[in-house]
Amino acid sequence: MTYDRLVCANCAAPISQGRCPVCRANRARLQQEGPFAGLNPMALIVLLVVLVAALALVAQQTA
């Protein structure tokens, strides 16, 4: 989830606006996450299955 849709429980403003210290801290924390942080678990599973299938295909062609 992106932080532009999240609402701060402290000030009730969108976190992306950074109105209070809690908003700013959460915005900074969300921006520091890695490149796969926005993917849901199902997308990660699909990527893993595609990778395994590609590796199996390469192994089959070399044998």
Protein backbone atom coordinates (compact mmCIF):
# COMPACT_ATOMS: atom_id res chain seq x y z
CA MET A 1 0.00 0.00 0.00
CA THR A 2 1.21 3.46 -0.72
CA TYR A 3 1.26 6.12 1.93
CA ASP A 4 -0.78 8.59 -0.14
CA ARG A 5 -3.95 6.67 0.82
CA LEU A 6 -3.16 6.32 4.53
CA VAL A 7 -4.68 8.61 7.14
CA CYS A 8 -2.82 9.50 10.33
CA ALA A 9 -4.49 8.47 13.58
CA ASN A 10 -2.83 11.39 15.34
CA CYS A 11 -4.02 14.33 13.22
CA ALA A 12 -6.54 12.69 10.79
CA ALA A 13 -4.71 14.11 7.77
CA PRO A 14 -3.21 12.10 4.91
CA ILE A 15 0.27 10.83 5.82
CA SER A 16 1.58 12.11 2.49
CA GLN A 17 1.02 15.70 3.69
CA GLY A 18 3.22 15.21 6.77
CA ARG A 19 1.37 17.65 9.02
CA CYS A 20 2.47 16.19 12.37
CA PRO A 21 5.63 14.40 13.61
CA VAL A 22 3.83 11.02 13.46
CA CYS A 23 2.94 11.59 9.80
CA ARG A 24 6.48 12.60 8.93
CA ALA A 25 7.98 9.59 10.72
CA ASN A 26 5.62 7.15 9.00
CA ARG A 27 6.18 8.77 5.61
CA ALA A 28 9.94 8.44 6.05
CA ARG A 29 9.60 4.81 7.16
CA LEU A 30 7.43 3.92 4.17
CA GLN A 31 9.83 5.60 1.74
CA GLN A 32 12.77 3.57 3.10
CA GLU A 33 11.22 0.17 2.38
CA GLY A 34 12.70 -1.96 -0.36
CA PRO A 35 11.58 -2.33 -3.98
CA PHE A 36 9.30 -5.31 -3.25
CA ALA A 37 7.48 -3.68 -0.33
CA GLY A 38 4.53 -2.64 -2.45
CA LEU A 39 3.88 -6.10 -3.85
CA ASN A 40 1.25 -8.25 -2.27
CA PRO A 41 2.11 -11.84 -1.26
CA MET A 42 0.27 -13.35 -4.24
CA ALA A 43 2.37 -11.34 -6.69
CA LEU A 44 5.55 -12.53 -4.96
CA ILE A 45 4.36 -16.15 -5.21
CA VAL A 46 3.64 -15.71 -8.93
CA LEU A 47 7.12 -14.23 -9.46
CA LEU A 48 8.66 -17.16 -7.61
CA VAL A 49 6.73 -19.71 -9.70
CA VAL A 50 7.78 -17.98 -12.93
CA LEU A 51 11.41 -17.99 -11.80
CA VAL A 52 11.31 -21.70 -10.92
CA ALA A 53 9.65 -22.52 -14.24
CA ALA A 54 12.30 -20.56 -16.15
CA LEU A 55 15.09 -22.34 -14.28
CA ALA A 56 13.48 -25.73 -14.98
CA LEU A 57 13.20 -24.89 -18.68
CA VAL A 58 16.86 -23.88 -18.86
CA ALA A 59 17.91 -27.04 -17.03
CA GLN A 60 15.85 -29.17 -19.39
CA GLN A 61 17.35 -27.60 -22.49
CA THR A 62 20.94 -28.07 -21.32
CA ALA A 63 20.43 -31.75 -20.38
